[in-house]
Amino acid sequence: MALERRFKEAFALCPVCGGELAEKRVEKLLRGGTDTAHLEIDALVCRRCGERFYPEETVRRFEKIRGKLSREETDDLTLVGSSYEAPGD
């Protein structure tokens, strides 16, 4: 997987619950304005509580994508489908 060794070494155990961390490919849904973007990204995931940890450069990428969505600057993103809101109870 693509996570840097430095990042993995910084987290020996989950800082939330103390559980063991494993490198996994995860899905991340980002929201900005009324739009969303779906990513598949590498993260450290706690085997006990499920908490995810991302490298700083990945978090900056998330922020950049959210900003683009909020400003409706989606030319470099691929339109995949539509989403709908269902009425509540």
N, C-alpha and C. Protein backbone atom coordinates (compact mmCIF):
# COMPACT_ATOMS: atom_id res chain seq x y z
N MET A 1 0.84 -1.18 0.00
CA MET A 1 0.00 0.00 0.00
C MET A 1 0.89 1.24 0.00
N ALA A 2 0.27 2.37 -0.20
CA ALA A 2 1.02 3.59 -0.48
C ALA A 2 1.32 4.47 0.73
N LEU A 3 0.91 4.10 1.93
CA LEU A 3 1.18 4.96 3.08
C LEU A 3 2.67 4.97 3.39
N GLU A 4 3.18 6.17 3.68
CA GLU A 4 4.59 6.32 3.99
C GLU A 4 4.95 5.63 5.31
N ARG A 5 6.15 5.11 5.35
CA ARG A 5 6.65 4.43 6.54
C ARG A 5 6.63 5.34 7.76
N ARG A 6 7.03 6.61 7.58
CA ARG A 6 7.03 7.59 8.69
C ARG A 6 5.65 7.70 9.32
N PHE A 7 4.63 7.77 8.47
CA PHE A 7 3.25 7.92 8.97
C PHE A 7 2.85 6.68 9.76
N LYS A 8 3.12 5.51 9.23
CA LYS A 8 2.75 4.27 9.92
C LYS A 8 3.49 4.13 11.25
N GLU A 9 4.74 4.55 11.29
CA GLU A 9 5.52 4.45 12.53
C GLU A 9 5.05 5.44 13.59
N ALA A 10 4.42 6.52 13.18
CA ALA A 10 3.93 7.53 14.12
C ALA A 10 2.77 7.01 14.97
N PHE A 11 2.08 6.00 14.46
CA PHE A 11 0.93 5.44 15.16
C PHE A 11 1.19 3.97 15.46
N ALA A 12 1.76 3.69 16.62
CA ALA A 12 1.99 2.30 17.01
C ALA A 12 0.65 1.63 17.35
N LEU A 13 -0.20 2.38 18.06
CA LEU A 13 -1.53 1.90 18.44
C LEU A 13 -2.54 3.03 18.23
N CYS A 14 -3.81 2.68 18.20
CA CYS A 14 -4.87 3.67 18.04
C CYS A 14 -4.86 4.63 19.24
N PRO A 15 -4.76 5.94 18.98
CA PRO A 15 -4.80 6.90 20.09
C PRO A 15 -6.18 7.05 20.72
N VAL A 16 -7.20 6.52 20.08
CA VAL A 16 -8.56 6.61 20.63
C VAL A 16 -8.82 5.49 21.64
N CYS A 17 -8.50 4.23 21.25
CA CYS A 17 -8.84 3.10 22.12
C CYS A 17 -7.67 2.19 22.45
N GLY A 18 -6.51 2.43 21.82
CA GLY A 18 -5.35 1.58 22.08
C GLY A 18 -5.30 0.32 21.25
N GLY A 19 -6.23 0.17 20.30
CA GLY A 19 -6.27 -1.02 19.45
C GLY A 19 -5.17 -1.04 18.41
N GLU A 20 -5.01 -2.19 17.78
CA GLU A 20 -4.02 -2.37 16.72
C GLU A 20 -4.50 -1.71 15.44
N LEU A 21 -3.57 -1.09 14.70
CA LEU A 21 -3.89 -0.42 13.44
C LEU A 21 -3.46 -1.28 12.26
N ALA A 22 -4.26 -1.24 11.20
CA ALA A 22 -3.94 -1.96 9.98
C ALA A 22 -4.08 -1.01 8.79
N GLU A 23 -3.20 -1.14 7.83
CA GLU A 23 -3.30 -0.34 6.61
C GLU A 23 -4.36 -0.96 5.71
N LYS A 24 -5.31 -0.12 5.28
CA LYS A 24 -6.41 -0.61 4.44
C LYS A 24 -6.74 0.41 3.36
N ARG A 25 -7.33 -0.06 2.31
CA ARG A 25 -7.91 0.80 1.27
C ARG A 25 -9.34 1.04 1.70
N VAL A 26 -9.73 2.31 1.87
CA VAL A 26 -11.08 2.65 2.36
C VAL A 26 -11.78 3.59 1.39
N GLU A 27 -13.09 3.65 1.53
CA GLU A 27 -13.89 4.60 0.76
C GLU A 27 -14.12 5.83 1.62
N LYS A 28 -14.03 7.00 1.01
CA LYS A 28 -14.25 8.27 1.72
C LYS A 28 -15.22 9.09 0.90
N LEU A 29 -16.25 9.60 1.52
CA LEU A 29 -17.24 10.46 0.87
C LEU A 29 -17.02 11.88 1.38
N LEU A 30 -16.76 12.79 0.45
CA LEU A 30 -16.54 14.19 0.80
C LEU A 30 -17.72 15.02 0.33
N ARG A 31 -18.15 15.96 1.16
CA ARG A 31 -19.27 16.83 0.81
C ARG A 31 -18.78 18.27 0.73
N GLY A 32 -19.31 18.98 -0.25
CA GLY A 32 -19.03 20.40 -0.39
C GLY A 32 -20.20 21.05 -1.09
N GLY A 33 -20.82 22.04 -0.47
CA GLY A 33 -22.04 22.61 -1.04
C GLY A 33 -23.10 21.53 -1.12
N THR A 34 -23.70 21.37 -2.30
CA THR A 34 -24.72 20.33 -2.47
C THR A 34 -24.18 19.10 -3.18
N ASP A 35 -22.86 19.06 -3.42
CA ASP A 35 -22.26 17.96 -4.16
C ASP A 35 -21.41 17.08 -3.25
N THR A 36 -21.13 15.88 -3.74
CA THR A 36 -20.27 14.94 -3.03
C THR A 36 -19.24 14.36 -3.99
N ALA A 37 -18.14 13.89 -3.44
CA ALA A 37 -17.11 13.20 -4.21
C ALA A 37 -16.75 11.92 -3.47
N HIS A 38 -16.55 10.87 -4.21
CA HIS A 38 -16.20 9.56 -3.66
C HIS A 38 -14.74 9.27 -3.99
N LEU A 39 -13.97 8.85 -2.99
CA LEU A 39 -12.57 8.49 -3.18
C LEU A 39 -12.31 7.12 -2.58
N GLU A 40 -11.36 6.41 -3.15
CA GLU A 40 -10.80 5.22 -2.52
C GLU A 40 -9.38 5.60 -2.16
N ILE A 41 -9.04 5.47 -0.88
CA ILE A 41 -7.79 6.01 -0.37
C ILE A 41 -7.20 5.07 0.68
N ASP A 42 -5.87 5.10 0.84
CA ASP A 42 -5.21 4.31 1.87
C ASP A 42 -5.29 5.03 3.21
N ALA A 43 -5.51 4.26 4.27
CA ALA A 43 -5.60 4.82 5.63
C ALA A 43 -5.13 3.76 6.62
N LEU A 44 -4.81 4.21 7.82
CA LEU A 44 -4.62 3.29 8.93
C LEU A 44 -5.98 3.19 9.63
N VAL A 45 -6.44 1.98 9.87
CA VAL A 45 -7.76 1.75 10.46
C VAL A 45 -7.59 0.89 11.71
N CYS A 46 -8.21 1.33 12.80
CA CYS A 46 -8.15 0.58 14.04
C CYS A 46 -9.00 -0.69 13.92
N ARG A 47 -8.40 -1.81 14.28
CA ARG A 47 -9.12 -3.09 14.21
C ARG A 47 -10.17 -3.21 15.31
N ARG A 48 -10.05 -2.40 16.36
CA ARG A 48 -11.00 -2.47 17.47
C ARG A 48 -12.16 -1.49 17.30
N CYS A 49 -11.86 -0.20 17.13
CA CYS A 49 -12.93 0.81 17.11
C CYS A 49 -13.28 1.32 15.71
N GLY A 50 -12.44 1.02 14.71
CA GLY A 50 -12.73 1.44 13.34
C GLY A 50 -12.29 2.85 12.99
N GLU A 51 -11.70 3.57 13.94
CA GLU A 51 -11.22 4.94 13.68
C GLU A 51 -10.21 4.90 12.53
N ARG A 52 -10.28 5.93 11.67
CA ARG A 52 -9.37 6.02 10.53
C ARG A 52 -8.38 7.15 10.73
N PHE A 53 -7.15 6.93 10.25
CA PHE A 53 -6.10 7.93 10.35
C PHE A 53 -5.49 8.12 8.97
N TYR A 54 -5.41 9.40 8.55
CA TYR A 54 -4.93 9.76 7.22
C TYR A 54 -3.67 10.62 7.35
N PRO A 55 -2.73 10.46 6.42
CA PRO A 55 -1.57 11.35 6.41
C PRO A 55 -1.99 12.80 6.16
N GLU A 56 -1.16 13.72 6.60
CA GLU A 56 -1.46 15.16 6.46
C GLU A 56 -1.72 15.55 5.00
N GLU A 57 -0.94 15.02 4.07
CA GLU A 57 -1.15 15.39 2.66
C GLU A 57 -2.49 14.88 2.13
N THR A 58 -2.98 13.77 2.67
CA THR A 58 -4.29 13.26 2.28
C THR A 58 -5.39 14.17 2.82
N VAL A 59 -5.25 14.62 4.05
CA VAL A 59 -6.23 15.54 4.65
C VAL A 59 -6.26 16.85 3.85
N ARG A 60 -5.10 17.34 3.43
CA ARG A 60 -5.06 18.56 2.60
C ARG A 60 -5.78 18.31 1.27
N ARG A 61 -5.61 17.13 0.71
CA ARG A 61 -6.32 16.79 -0.54
C ARG A 61 -7.84 16.80 -0.32
N PHE A 62 -8.29 16.25 0.83
CA PHE A 62 -9.72 16.28 1.16
C PHE A 62 -10.23 17.71 1.19
N GLU A 63 -9.49 18.60 1.86
CA GLU A 63 -9.89 20.00 1.99
C GLU A 63 -9.96 20.68 0.62
N LYS A 64 -9.00 20.38 -0.24
CA LYS A 64 -8.98 20.96 -1.58
C LYS A 64 -10.21 20.51 -2.39
N ILE A 65 -10.54 19.23 -2.31
CA ILE A 65 -11.70 18.70 -3.03
C ILE A 65 -12.99 19.29 -2.48
N ARG A 66 -13.12 19.38 -1.15
CA ARG A 66 -14.32 20.00 -0.55
C ARG A 66 -14.49 21.44 -1.02
N GLY A 67 -13.38 22.18 -1.09
CA GLY A 67 -13.43 23.56 -1.57
C GLY A 67 -13.90 23.64 -3.00
N LYS A 68 -13.38 22.76 -3.85
CA LYS A 68 -13.80 22.75 -5.25
C LYS A 68 -15.29 22.44 -5.37
N LEU A 69 -15.77 21.48 -4.58
CA LEU A 69 -17.19 21.15 -4.60
C LEU A 69 -18.03 22.34 -4.16
N SER A 70 -17.61 23.02 -3.10
CA SER A 70 -18.35 24.17 -2.59
C SER A 70 -18.41 25.31 -3.60
N ARG A 71 -17.33 25.47 -4.37
CA ARG A 71 -17.27 26.54 -5.39
C ARG A 71 -17.79 26.08 -6.75
N GLU A 72 -18.26 24.83 -6.81
CA GLU A 72 -18.76 24.22 -8.05
C GLU A 72 -17.70 24.22 -9.15
N GLU A 73 -16.44 24.02 -8.76
CA GLU A 73 -15.32 23.90 -9.69
C GLU A 73 -15.02 22.42 -9.89
N THR A 74 -15.87 21.75 -10.65
CA THR A 74 -15.80 20.30 -10.76
C THR A 74 -15.30 19.82 -12.13
N ASP A 75 -14.69 20.70 -12.91
CA ASP A 75 -14.24 20.31 -14.25
C ASP A 75 -13.25 19.15 -14.24
N ASP A 76 -12.40 19.05 -13.21
CA ASP A 76 -11.42 17.97 -13.17
C ASP A 76 -11.92 16.74 -12.41
N LEU A 77 -13.19 16.74 -12.01
CA LEU A 77 -13.81 15.58 -11.36
C LEU A 77 -14.70 14.86 -12.37
N THR A 78 -14.87 13.57 -12.19
CA THR A 78 -15.69 12.77 -13.11
C THR A 78 -17.09 12.62 -12.54
N LEU A 79 -18.09 13.00 -13.33
CA LEU A 79 -19.48 12.82 -12.93
C LEU A 79 -19.82 11.34 -13.04
N VAL A 80 -20.29 10.76 -11.93
CA VAL A 80 -20.51 9.32 -11.88
C VAL A 80 -22.00 8.98 -11.93
N GLY A 81 -22.84 9.81 -11.42
CA GLY A 81 -24.27 9.50 -11.39
C GLY A 81 -25.04 10.62 -10.73
N SER A 82 -26.12 10.29 -10.12
CA SER A 82 -26.95 11.26 -9.43
C SER A 82 -27.23 10.74 -8.03
N SER A 83 -27.52 11.65 -7.13
CA SER A 83 -27.98 11.21 -5.82
C SER A 83 -29.32 11.87 -5.54
N TYR A 84 -30.10 11.22 -4.74
CA TYR A 84 -31.46 11.67 -4.45
C TYR A 84 -31.68 11.69 -2.96
N GLU A 85 -32.55 12.58 -2.53
CA GLU A 85 -32.93 12.64 -1.13
C GLU A 85 -34.30 12.04 -0.99
N ALA A 86 -34.45 11.07 -0.09
CA ALA A 86 -35.74 10.42 0.15
C ALA A 86 -36.47 11.19 1.23
N PRO A 87 -37.79 11.26 1.15
CA PRO A 87 -38.55 11.95 2.19
C PRO A 87 -38.44 11.22 3.53
N GLY A 88 -38.42 11.99 4.63
CA GLY A 88 -38.36 11.40 5.96
C GLY A 88 -39.70 10.82 6.37
N ASP A 89 -39.74 10.25 7.52
CA ASP A 89 -40.99 9.66 8.05
C ASP A 89 -41.97 10.70 8.45
